[in-house]
Amino acid sequence: SAEIILAAFKEITLLLIEVKTEIYAHLTPLSPLQKRILALLGFP
């Protein structure tokens, strides 16, 4: 079960962009399945 849940999140990409003295984060949007898993686990 843990392997299946983790596999559902393997396509997430975190992109960090450094501009002068700041770092900006960008994440790929969650799929409907990923949103459902978070909801079932009780995470907002």
ModelCIF file with pLDDT and N, C-alpha, C, O atoms, coordinates in Angstrom:
data_MODEL
#
_entry.id   MODEL 
#
_entity.id                         1 
_entity.type                       polymer 
_entity.pdbx_number_of_molecules   1 
#
_entity_poly.entity_id                      1 
_entity_poly.type                           'polypeptide(L)' 
_entity_poly.nstd_linkage                   no 
_entity_poly.nstd_monomer                   no 
_entity_poly.pdbx_seq_one_letter_code       SAEIILAAFKEITLLLIEVKTEIYAHLTPLSPLQKRILALLGFP 
_entity_poly.pdbx_seq_one_letter_code_can   SAEIILAAFKEITLLLIEVKTEIYAHLTPLSPLQKRILALLGFP 
_entity_poly.pdbx_strand_id                 A 
#
loop_
_entity_poly_seq.entity_id 
_entity_poly_seq.num 
_entity_poly_seq.mon_id 
_entity_poly_seq.hetero 
1 1  SER n 
1 2  ALA n 
1 3  GLU n 
1 4  ILE n 
1 5  ILE n 
1 6  LEU n 
1 7  ALA n 
1 8  ALA n 
1 9  PHE n 
1 10 LYS n 
1 11 GLU n 
1 12 ILE n 
1 13 THR n 
1 14 LEU n 
1 15 LEU n 
1 16 LEU n 
1 17 ILE n 
1 18 GLU n 
1 19 VAL n 
1 20 LYS n 
1 21 THR n 
1 22 GLU n 
1 23 ILE n 
1 24 TYR n 
1 25 ALA n 
1 26 HIS n 
1 27 LEU n 
1 28 THR n 
1 29 PRO n 
1 30 LEU n 
1 31 SER n 
1 32 PRO n 
1 33 LEU n 
1 34 GLN n 
1 35 LYS n 
1 36 ARG n 
1 37 ILE n 
1 38 LEU n 
1 39 ALA n 
1 40 LEU n 
1 41 LEU n 
1 42 GLY n 
1 43 PHE n 
1 44 PRO n 
#
_struct_asym.id          A 
_struct_asym.entity_id   1 
#
loop_
_ma_qa_metric.id 
_ma_qa_metric.mode 
_ma_qa_metric.name 
_ma_qa_metric.software_group_id 
_ma_qa_metric.type 
1 global pLDDT . pLDDT 
2 local  pLDDT . pLDDT 
#
_ma_qa_metric_global.metric_id      1 
_ma_qa_metric_global.metric_value   89.32 
_ma_qa_metric_global.model_id       1 
_ma_qa_metric_global.ordinal_id     1 
#
loop_
_ma_qa_metric_local.label_asym_id 
_ma_qa_metric_local.label_comp_id 
_ma_qa_metric_local.label_seq_id 
_ma_qa_metric_local.metric_id 
_ma_qa_metric_local.metric_value 
_ma_qa_metric_local.model_id 
_ma_qa_metric_local.ordinal_id 
A SER 1  2 83.00 1 1  
A ALA 2  2 85.00 1 2  
A GLU 3  2 89.00 1 3  
A ILE 4  2 88.00 1 4  
A ILE 5  2 89.00 1 5  
A LEU 6  2 90.00 1 6  
A ALA 7  2 93.00 1 7  
A ALA 8  2 92.00 1 8  
A PHE 9  2 90.00 1 9  
A LYS 10 2 90.00 1 10 
A GLU 11 2 88.00 1 11 
A ILE 12 2 88.00 1 12 
A THR 13 2 89.00 1 13 
A LEU 14 2 86.00 1 14 
A LEU 15 2 88.00 1 15 
A LEU 16 2 86.00 1 16 
A ILE 17 2 87.00 1 17 
A GLU 18 2 86.00 1 18 
A VAL 19 2 85.00 1 19 
A LYS 20 2 85.00 1 20 
A THR 21 2 82.00 1 21 
A GLU 22 2 83.00 1 22 
A ILE 23 2 85.00 1 23 
A TYR 24 2 85.00 1 24 
A ALA 25 2 84.00 1 25 
A HIS 26 2 86.00 1 26 
A LEU 27 2 87.00 1 27 
A THR 28 2 90.00 1 28 
A PRO 29 2 91.00 1 29 
A LEU 30 2 93.00 1 30 
A SER 31 2 94.00 1 31 
A PRO 32 2 95.00 1 32 
A LEU 33 2 94.00 1 33 
A GLN 34 2 94.00 1 34 
A LYS 35 2 94.00 1 35 
A ARG 36 2 94.00 1 36 
A ILE 37 2 93.00 1 37 
A LEU 38 2 92.00 1 38 
A ALA 39 2 94.00 1 39 
A LEU 40 2 92.00 1 40 
A LEU 41 2 90.00 1 41 
A GLY 42 2 94.00 1 42 
A PHE 43 2 93.00 1 43 
A PRO 44 2 94.00 1 44 
#
loop_
_atom_site.group_PDB 
_atom_site.id 
_atom_site.type_symbol 
_atom_site.label_atom_id 
_atom_site.label_alt_id 
_atom_site.label_comp_id 
_atom_site.label_asym_id 
_atom_site.label_entity_id 
_atom_site.label_seq_id 
_atom_site.pdbx_PDB_ins_code 
_atom_site.Cartn_x 
_atom_site.Cartn_y 
_atom_site.Cartn_z 
_atom_site.occupancy 
_atom_site.B_iso_or_equiv 
_atom_site.pdbx_formal_charge 
_atom_site.auth_seq_id 
_atom_site.auth_comp_id 
_atom_site.auth_asym_id 
_atom_site.auth_atom_id 
_atom_site.pdbx_PDB_model_num 
ATOM 1   N N  . SER A 1 1  ? 0.834  -1.205 0.000   1.00 83.00 ? 1  SER A N  1 
ATOM 2   C CA . SER A 1 1  ? 0.000  0.000  0.000   1.00 83.00 ? 1  SER A CA 1 
ATOM 3   C C  . SER A 1 1  ? 0.867  1.252  0.000   1.00 83.00 ? 1  SER A C  1 
ATOM 4   O O  . SER A 1 1  ? 0.596  2.202  -0.734  1.00 83.00 ? 1  SER A O  1 
ATOM 5   N N  . ALA A 1 2  ? 1.897  1.249  0.816   1.00 85.00 ? 2  ALA A N  1 
ATOM 6   C CA . ALA A 1 2  ? 2.806  2.399  0.881   1.00 85.00 ? 2  ALA A CA 1 
ATOM 7   C C  . ALA A 1 2  ? 3.498  2.614  -0.464  1.00 85.00 ? 2  ALA A C  1 
ATOM 8   O O  . ALA A 1 2  ? 3.651  3.751  -0.908  1.00 85.00 ? 2  ALA A O  1 
ATOM 9   N N  . GLU A 1 3  ? 3.911  1.535  -1.107  1.00 89.00 ? 3  GLU A N  1 
ATOM 10  C CA . GLU A 1 3  ? 4.570  1.644  -2.413  1.00 89.00 ? 3  GLU A CA 1 
ATOM 11  C C  . GLU A 1 3  ? 3.630  2.234  -3.458  1.00 89.00 ? 3  GLU A C  1 
ATOM 12  O O  . GLU A 1 3  ? 4.043  3.048  -4.284  1.00 89.00 ? 3  GLU A O  1 
ATOM 13  N N  . ILE A 1 4  ? 2.370  1.822  -3.418  1.00 88.00 ? 4  ILE A N  1 
ATOM 14  C CA . ILE A 1 4  ? 1.383  2.323  -4.382  1.00 88.00 ? 4  ILE A CA 1 
ATOM 15  C C  . ILE A 1 4  ? 1.127  3.809  -4.148  1.00 88.00 ? 4  ILE A C  1 
ATOM 16  O O  . ILE A 1 4  ? 1.043  4.585  -5.100  1.00 88.00 ? 4  ILE A O  1 
ATOM 17  N N  . ILE A 1 5  ? 1.003  4.205  -2.887  1.00 89.00 ? 5  ILE A N  1 
ATOM 18  C CA . ILE A 1 5  ? 0.774  5.623  -2.563  1.00 89.00 ? 5  ILE A CA 1 
ATOM 19  C C  . ILE A 1 5  ? 1.972  6.460  -2.988  1.00 89.00 ? 5  ILE A C  1 
ATOM 20  O O  . ILE A 1 5  ? 1.804  7.516  -3.599  1.00 89.00 ? 5  ILE A O  1 
ATOM 21  N N  . LEU A 1 6  ? 3.172  6.002  -2.673  1.00 90.00 ? 6  LEU A N  1 
ATOM 22  C CA . LEU A 1 6  ? 4.372  6.753  -3.071  1.00 90.00 ? 6  LEU A CA 1 
ATOM 23  C C  . LEU A 1 6  ? 4.490  6.857  -4.584  1.00 90.00 ? 6  LEU A C  1 
ATOM 24  O O  . LEU A 1 6  ? 4.897  7.897  -5.102  1.00 90.00 ? 6  LEU A O  1 
ATOM 25  N N  . ALA A 1 7  ? 4.140  5.794  -5.298  1.00 93.00 ? 7  ALA A N  1 
ATOM 26  C CA . ALA A 1 7  ? 4.211  5.808  -6.761  1.00 93.00 ? 7  ALA A CA 1 
ATOM 27  C C  . ALA A 1 7  ? 3.277  6.878  -7.344  1.00 93.00 ? 7  ALA A C  1 
ATOM 28  O O  . ALA A 1 7  ? 3.580  7.470  -8.380  1.00 93.00 ? 7  ALA A O  1 
ATOM 29  N N  . ALA A 1 8  ? 2.154  7.120  -6.682  1.00 92.00 ? 8  ALA A N  1 
ATOM 30  C CA . ALA A 1 8  ? 1.214  8.135  -7.160  1.00 92.00 ? 8  ALA A CA 1 
ATOM 31  C C  . ALA A 1 8  ? 1.812  9.537  -7.088  1.00 92.00 ? 8  ALA A C  1 
ATOM 32  O O  . ALA A 1 8  ? 1.360  10.441 -7.790  1.00 92.00 ? 8  ALA A O  1 
ATOM 33  N N  . PHE A 1 9  ? 2.824  9.720  -6.244  1.00 90.00 ? 9  PHE A N  1 
ATOM 34  C CA . PHE A 1 9  ? 3.440  11.040 -6.066  1.00 90.00 ? 9  PHE A CA 1 
ATOM 35  C C  . PHE A 1 9  ? 4.811  11.160 -6.739  1.00 90.00 ? 9  PHE A C  1 
ATOM 36  O O  . PHE A 1 9  ? 5.487  12.175 -6.575  1.00 90.00 ? 9  PHE A O  1 
ATOM 37  N N  . LYS A 1 10 ? 5.222  10.157 -7.480  1.00 90.00 ? 10 LYS A N  1 
ATOM 38  C CA . LYS A 1 10 ? 6.586  10.187 -8.024  1.00 90.00 ? 10 LYS A CA 1 
ATOM 39  C C  . LYS A 1 10 ? 6.803  11.217 -9.128  1.00 90.00 ? 10 LYS A C  1 
ATOM 40  O O  . LYS A 1 10 ? 7.946  11.575 -9.413  1.00 90.00 ? 10 LYS A O  1 
ATOM 41  N N  . GLU A 1 11 ? 5.749  11.692 -9.743  1.00 88.00 ? 11 GLU A N  1 
ATOM 42  C CA . GLU A 1 11 ? 5.887  12.658 -10.835 1.00 88.00 ? 11 GLU A CA 1 
ATOM 43  C C  . GLU A 1 11 ? 5.899  14.110 -10.368 1.00 88.00 ? 11 GLU A C  1 
ATOM 44  O O  . GLU A 1 11 ? 5.877  15.019 -11.198 1.00 88.00 ? 11 GLU A O  1 
ATOM 45  N N  . ILE A 1 12 ? 5.935  14.343 -9.077  1.00 88.00 ? 12 ILE A N  1 
ATOM 46  C CA . ILE A 1 12 ? 5.974  15.708 -8.560  1.00 88.00 ? 12 ILE A CA 1 
ATOM 47  C C  . ILE A 1 12 ? 7.370  16.291 -8.779  1.00 88.00 ? 12 ILE A C  1 
ATOM 48  O O  . ILE A 1 12 ? 8.379  15.638 -8.514  1.00 88.00 ? 12 ILE A O  1 
ATOM 49  N N  . THR A 1 13 ? 7.404  17.514 -9.261  1.00 89.00 ? 13 THR A N  1 
ATOM 50  C CA . THR A 1 13 ? 8.675  18.192 -9.482  1.00 89.00 ? 13 THR A CA 1 
ATOM 51  C C  . THR A 1 13 ? 8.708  19.479 -8.662  1.00 89.00 ? 13 THR A C  1 
ATOM 52  O O  . THR A 1 13 ? 7.769  20.275 -8.690  1.00 89.00 ? 13 THR A O  1 
ATOM 53  N N  . LEU A 1 14 ? 9.790  19.664 -7.943  1.00 86.00 ? 14 LEU A N  1 
ATOM 54  C CA . LEU A 1 14 ? 10.022 20.916 -7.215  1.00 86.00 ? 14 LEU A CA 1 
ATOM 55  C C  . LEU A 1 14 ? 11.129 21.651 -7.951  1.00 86.00 ? 14 LEU A C  1 
ATOM 56  O O  . LEU A 1 14 ? 12.236 21.137 -8.107  1.00 86.00 ? 14 LEU A O  1 
ATOM 57  N N  . LEU A 1 15 ? 10.823 22.835 -8.392  1.00 88.00 ? 15 LEU A N  1 
ATOM 58  C CA . LEU A 1 15 ? 11.792 23.655 -9.113  1.00 88.00 ? 15 LEU A CA 1 
ATOM 59  C C  . LEU A 1 15 ? 12.132 24.855 -8.238  1.00 88.00 ? 15 LEU A C  1 
ATOM 60  O O  . LEU A 1 15 ? 11.246 25.609 -7.835  1.00 88.00 ? 15 LEU A O  1 
ATOM 61  N N  . LEU A 1 16 ? 13.410 25.030 -7.949  1.00 86.00 ? 16 LEU A N  1 
ATOM 62  C CA . LEU A 1 16 ? 13.874 26.179 -7.175  1.00 86.00 ? 16 LEU A CA 1 
ATOM 63  C C  . LEU A 1 16 ? 14.641 27.108 -8.104  1.00 86.00 ? 16 LEU A C  1 
ATOM 64  O O  . LEU A 1 16 ? 15.575 26.686 -8.786  1.00 86.00 ? 16 LEU A O  1 
ATOM 65  N N  . ILE A 1 17 ? 14.244 28.368 -8.125  1.00 87.00 ? 17 ILE A N  1 
ATOM 66  C CA . ILE A 1 17 ? 14.871 29.354 -9.006  1.00 87.00 ? 17 ILE A CA 1 
ATOM 67  C C  . ILE A 1 17 ? 15.463 30.444 -8.125  1.00 87.00 ? 17 ILE A C  1 
ATOM 68  O O  . ILE A 1 17 ? 14.762 31.068 -7.328  1.00 87.00 ? 17 ILE A O  1 
ATOM 69  N N  . GLU A 1 18 ? 16.762 30.661 -8.281  1.00 86.00 ? 18 GLU A N  1 
ATOM 70  C CA . GLU A 1 18 ? 17.442 31.690 -7.493  1.00 86.00 ? 18 GLU A CA 1 
ATOM 71  C C  . GLU A 1 18 ? 17.539 32.965 -8.323  1.00 86.00 ? 18 GLU A C  1 
ATOM 72  O O  . GLU A 1 18 ? 18.070 32.957 -9.434  1.00 86.00 ? 18 GLU A O  1 
ATOM 73  N N  . VAL A 1 19 ? 17.018 34.061 -7.770  1.00 85.00 ? 19 VAL A N  1 
ATOM 74  C CA . VAL A 1 19 ? 17.081 35.368 -8.417  1.00 85.00 ? 19 VAL A CA 1 
ATOM 75  C C  . VAL A 1 19 ? 17.667 36.339 -7.398  1.00 85.00 ? 19 VAL A C  1 
ATOM 76  O O  . VAL A 1 19 ? 17.045 36.659 -6.385  1.00 85.00 ? 19 VAL A O  1 
ATOM 77  N N  . LYS A 1 20 ? 18.851 36.786 -7.687  1.00 85.00 ? 20 LYS A N  1 
ATOM 78  C CA . LYS A 1 20 ? 19.600 37.659 -6.779  1.00 85.00 ? 20 LYS A CA 1 
ATOM 79  C C  . LYS A 1 20 ? 19.685 37.028 -5.395  1.00 85.00 ? 20 LYS A C  1 
ATOM 80  O O  . LYS A 1 20 ? 20.375 36.024 -5.215  1.00 85.00 ? 20 LYS A O  1 
ATOM 81  N N  . THR A 1 21 ? 19.002 37.595 -4.434  1.00 82.00 ? 21 THR A N  1 
ATOM 82  C CA . THR A 1 21 ? 19.137 37.084 -3.062  1.00 82.00 ? 21 THR A CA 1 
ATOM 83  C C  . THR A 1 21 ? 17.934 36.250 -2.617  1.00 82.00 ? 21 THR A C  1 
ATOM 84  O O  . THR A 1 21 ? 17.830 35.891 -1.443  1.00 82.00 ? 21 THR A O  1 
ATOM 85  N N  . GLU A 1 22 ? 17.032 35.941 -3.540  1.00 83.00 ? 22 GLU A N  1 
ATOM 86  C CA . GLU A 1 22 ? 15.847 35.160 -3.169  1.00 83.00 ? 22 GLU A CA 1 
ATOM 87  C C  . GLU A 1 22 ? 15.759 33.871 -3.980  1.00 83.00 ? 22 GLU A C  1 
ATOM 88  O O  . GLU A 1 22 ? 16.255 33.783 -5.103  1.00 83.00 ? 22 GLU A O  1 
ATOM 89  N N  . ILE A 1 23 ? 15.119 32.882 -3.381  1.00 85.00 ? 23 ILE A N  1 
ATOM 90  C CA . ILE A 1 23 ? 14.873 31.613 -4.053  1.00 85.00 ? 23 ILE A CA 1 
ATOM 91  C C  . ILE A 1 23 ? 13.366 31.425 -4.137  1.00 85.00 ? 23 ILE A C  1 
ATOM 92  O O  . ILE A 1 23 ? 12.658 31.523 -3.134  1.00 85.00 ? 23 ILE A O  1 
ATOM 93  N N  . TYR A 1 24 ? 12.885 31.153 -5.349  1.00 85.00 ? 24 TYR A N  1 
ATOM 94  C CA . TYR A 1 24 ? 11.458 30.946 -5.574  1.00 85.00 ? 24 TYR A CA 1 
ATOM 95  C C  . TYR A 1 24 ? 11.212 29.463 -5.826  1.00 85.00 ? 24 TYR A C  1 
ATOM 96  O O  . TYR A 1 24 ? 11.994 28.796 -6.503  1.00 85.00 ? 24 TYR A O  1 
ATOM 97  N N  . ALA A 1 25 ? 10.111 28.960 -5.272  1.00 84.00 ? 25 ALA A N  1 
ATOM 98  C CA . ALA A 1 25 ? 9.754  27.554 -5.423  1.00 84.00 ? 25 ALA A CA 1 
ATOM 99  C C  . ALA A 1 25 ? 8.559  27.421 -6.358  1.00 84.00 ? 25 ALA A C  1 
ATOM 100 O O  . ALA A 1 25 ? 7.623  28.219 -6.306  1.00 84.00 ? 25 ALA A O  1 
ATOM 101 N N  . HIS A 1 26 ? 8.601  26.404 -7.214  1.00 86.00 ? 26 HIS A N  1 
ATOM 102 C CA . HIS A 1 26 ? 7.466  26.070 -8.068  1.00 86.00 ? 26 HIS A CA 1 
ATOM 103 C C  . HIS A 1 26 ? 7.268  24.561 -8.024  1.00 86.00 ? 26 HIS A C  1 
ATOM 104 O O  . HIS A 1 26 ? 8.220  23.796 -8.175  1.00 86.00 ? 26 HIS A O  1 
ATOM 105 N N  . LEU A 1 27 ? 6.017  24.139 -7.814  1.00 87.00 ? 27 LEU A N  1 
ATOM 106 C CA . LEU A 1 27 ? 5.670  22.720 -7.777  1.00 87.00 ? 27 LEU A CA 1 
ATOM 107 C C  . LEU A 1 27 ? 4.687  22.407 -8.892  1.00 87.00 ? 27 LEU A C  1 
ATOM 108 O O  . LEU A 1 27 ? 3.849  23.233 -9.252  1.00 87.00 ? 27 LEU A O  1 
ATOM 109 N N  . THR A 1 28 ? 4.804  21.193 -9.434  1.00 90.00 ? 28 THR A N  1 
ATOM 110 C CA . THR A 1 28 ? 3.802  20.766 -10.407 1.00 90.00 ? 28 THR A CA 1 
ATOM 111 C C  . THR A 1 28 ? 2.459  20.637 -9.697  1.00 90.00 ? 28 THR A C  1 
ATOM 112 O O  . THR A 1 28 ? 2.417  20.279 -8.520  1.00 90.00 ? 28 THR A O  1 
ATOM 113 N N  . PRO A 1 29 ? 1.366  20.921 -10.390 1.00 91.00 ? 29 PRO A N  1 
ATOM 114 C CA . PRO A 1 29 ? 0.044  20.816 -9.762  1.00 91.00 ? 29 PRO A CA 1 
ATOM 115 C C  . PRO A 1 29 ? -0.263 19.367 -9.367  1.00 91.00 ? 29 PRO A C  1 
ATOM 116 O O  . PRO A 1 29 ? 0.229  18.424 -9.985  1.00 91.00 ? 29 PRO A O  1 
ATOM 117 N N  . LEU A 1 30 ? -1.076 19.215 -8.338  1.00 93.00 ? 30 LEU A N  1 
ATOM 118 C CA . LEU A 1 30 ? -1.497 17.879 -7.916  1.00 93.00 ? 30 LEU A CA 1 
ATOM 119 C C  . LEU A 1 30 ? -2.548 17.331 -8.879  1.00 93.00 ? 30 LEU A C  1 
ATOM 120 O O  . LEU A 1 30 ? -3.402 18.068 -9.372  1.00 93.00 ? 30 LEU A O  1 
ATOM 121 N N  . SER A 1 31 ? -2.471 16.041 -9.134  1.00 94.00 ? 31 SER A N  1 
ATOM 122 C CA . SER A 1 31 ? -3.493 15.372 -9.947  1.00 94.00 ? 31 SER A CA 1 
ATOM 123 C C  . SER A 1 31 ? -4.710 15.105 -9.058  1.00 94.00 ? 31 SER A C  1 
ATOM 124 O O  . SER A 1 31 ? -4.608 15.174 -7.833  1.00 94.00 ? 31 SER A O  1 
ATOM 125 N N  . PRO A 1 32 ? -5.854 14.802 -9.666  1.00 95.00 ? 32 PRO A N  1 
ATOM 126 C CA . PRO A 1 32 ? -7.024 14.460 -8.853  1.00 95.00 ? 32 PRO A CA 1 
ATOM 127 C C  . PRO A 1 32 ? -6.751 13.274 -7.908  1.00 95.00 ? 32 PRO A C  1 
ATOM 128 O O  . PRO A 1 32 ? -7.229 13.268 -6.774  1.00 95.00 ? 32 PRO A O  1 
ATOM 129 N N  . LEU A 1 33 ? -5.994 12.287 -8.366  1.00 94.00 ? 33 LEU A N  1 
ATOM 130 C CA . LEU A 1 33 ? -5.657 11.141 -7.514  1.00 94.00 ? 33 LEU A CA 1 
ATOM 131 C C  . LEU A 1 33 ? -4.825 11.571 -6.314  1.00 94.00 ? 33 LEU A C  1 
ATOM 132 O O  . LEU A 1 33 ? -5.077 11.129 -5.193  1.00 94.00 ? 33 LEU A O  1 
ATOM 133 N N  . GLN A 1 34 ? -3.840 12.424 -6.540  1.00 94.00 ? 34 GLN A N  1 
ATOM 134 C CA . GLN A 1 34 ? -2.996 12.901 -5.441  1.00 94.00 ? 34 GLN A CA 1 
ATOM 135 C C  . GLN A 1 34 ? -3.812 13.705 -4.430  1.00 94.00 ? 34 GLN A C  1 
ATOM 136 O O  . GLN A 1 34 ? -3.612 13.575 -3.222  1.00 94.00 ? 34 GLN A O  1 
ATOM 137 N N  . LYS A 1 35 ? -4.727 14.531 -4.923  1.00 94.00 ? 35 LYS A N  1 
ATOM 138 C CA . LYS A 1 35 ? -5.599 15.293 -4.026  1.00 94.00 ? 35 LYS A CA 1 
ATOM 139 C C  . LYS A 1 35 ? -6.465 14.357 -3.198  1.00 94.00 ? 35 LYS A C  1 
ATOM 140 O O  . LYS A 1 35 ? -6.666 14.580 -2.004  1.00 94.00 ? 35 LYS A O  1 
ATOM 141 N N  . ARG A 1 36 ? -6.973 13.316 -3.829  1.00 94.00 ? 36 ARG A N  1 
ATOM 142 C CA . ARG A 1 36 ? -7.819 12.342 -3.135  1.00 94.00 ? 36 ARG A CA 1 
ATOM 143 C C  . ARG A 1 36 ? -7.039 11.605 -2.062  1.00 94.00 ? 36 ARG A C  1 
ATOM 144 O O  . ARG A 1 36 ? -7.546 11.395 -0.960  1.00 94.00 ? 36 ARG A O  1 
ATOM 145 N N  . ILE A 1 37 ? -5.818 11.212 -2.369  1.00 93.00 ? 37 ILE A N  1 
ATOM 146 C CA . ILE A 1 37 ? -4.983 10.515 -1.389  1.00 93.00 ? 37 ILE A CA 1 
ATOM 147 C C  . ILE A 1 37 ? -4.724 11.409 -0.183  1.00 93.00 ? 37 ILE A C  1 
ATOM 148 O O  . ILE A 1 37 ? -4.853 10.961 0.957   1.00 93.00 ? 37 ILE A O  1 
ATOM 149 N N  . LEU A 1 38 ? -4.361 12.665 -0.418  1.00 92.00 ? 38 LEU A N  1 
ATOM 150 C CA . LEU A 1 38 ? -4.137 13.592 0.694   1.00 92.00 ? 38 LEU A CA 1 
ATOM 151 C C  . LEU A 1 38 ? -5.397 13.735 1.554   1.00 92.00 ? 38 LEU A C  1 
ATOM 152 O O  . LEU A 1 38 ? -5.322 13.748 2.782   1.00 92.00 ? 38 LEU A O  1 
ATOM 153 N N  . ALA A 1 39 ? -6.553 13.842 0.893   1.00 94.00 ? 39 ALA A N  1 
ATOM 154 C CA . ALA A 1 39 ? -7.813 13.974 1.629   1.00 94.00 ? 39 ALA A CA 1 
ATOM 155 C C  . ALA A 1 39 ? -8.088 12.729 2.472   1.00 94.00 ? 39 ALA A C  1 
ATOM 156 O O  . ALA A 1 39 ? -8.487 12.840 3.631   1.00 94.00 ? 39 ALA A O  1 
ATOM 157 N N  . LEU A 1 40 ? -7.877 11.549 1.896   1.00 92.00 ? 40 LEU A N  1 
ATOM 158 C CA . LEU A 1 40 ? -8.106 10.302 2.632   1.00 92.00 ? 40 LEU A CA 1 
ATOM 159 C C  . LEU A 1 40 ? -7.160 10.157 3.825   1.00 92.00 ? 40 LEU A C  1 
ATOM 160 O O  . LEU A 1 40 ? -7.505 9.541  4.833   1.00 92.00 ? 40 LEU A O  1 
ATOM 161 N N  . LEU A 1 41 ? -5.969 10.733 3.694   1.00 90.00 ? 41 LEU A N  1 
ATOM 162 C CA . LEU A 1 41 ? -5.006 10.687 4.799   1.00 90.00 ? 41 LEU A CA 1 
ATOM 163 C C  . LEU A 1 41 ? -5.266 11.792 5.831   1.00 90.00 ? 41 LEU A C  1 
ATOM 164 O O  . LEU A 1 41 ? -4.609 11.851 6.870   1.00 90.00 ? 41 LEU A O  1 
ATOM 165 N N  . GLY A 1 42 ? -6.224 12.655 5.529   1.00 94.00 ? 42 GLY A N  1 
ATOM 166 C CA . GLY A 1 42 ? -6.583 13.714 6.471   1.00 94.00 ? 42 GLY A CA 1 
ATOM 167 C C  . GLY A 1 42 ? -5.708 14.955 6.377   1.00 94.00 ? 42 GLY A C  1 
ATOM 168 O O  . GLY A 1 42 ? -5.679 15.771 7.298   1.00 94.00 ? 42 GLY A O  1 
ATOM 169 N N  . PHE A 1 43 ? -4.989 15.098 5.255   1.00 93.00 ? 43 PHE A N  1 
ATOM 170 C CA . PHE A 1 43 ? -4.144 16.272 5.062   1.00 93.00 ? 43 PHE A CA 1 
ATOM 171 C C  . PHE A 1 43 ? -4.856 17.288 4.184   1.00 93.00 ? 43 PHE A C  1 
ATOM 172 O O  . PHE A 1 43 ? -5.445 16.915 3.169   1.00 93.00 ? 43 PHE A O  1 
ATOM 173 N N  . PRO A 1 44 ? -4.816 18.569 4.553   1.00 94.00 ? 44 PRO A N  1 
ATOM 174 C CA . PRO A 1 44 ? -5.406 19.583 3.675   1.00 94.00 ? 44 PRO A CA 1 
ATOM 175 C C  . PRO A 1 44 ? -4.517 19.770 2.439   1.00 94.00 ? 44 PRO A C  1 
ATOM 176 O O  . PRO A 1 44 ? -4.834 20.581 1.568   1.00 94.00 ? 44 PRO A O  1 
#
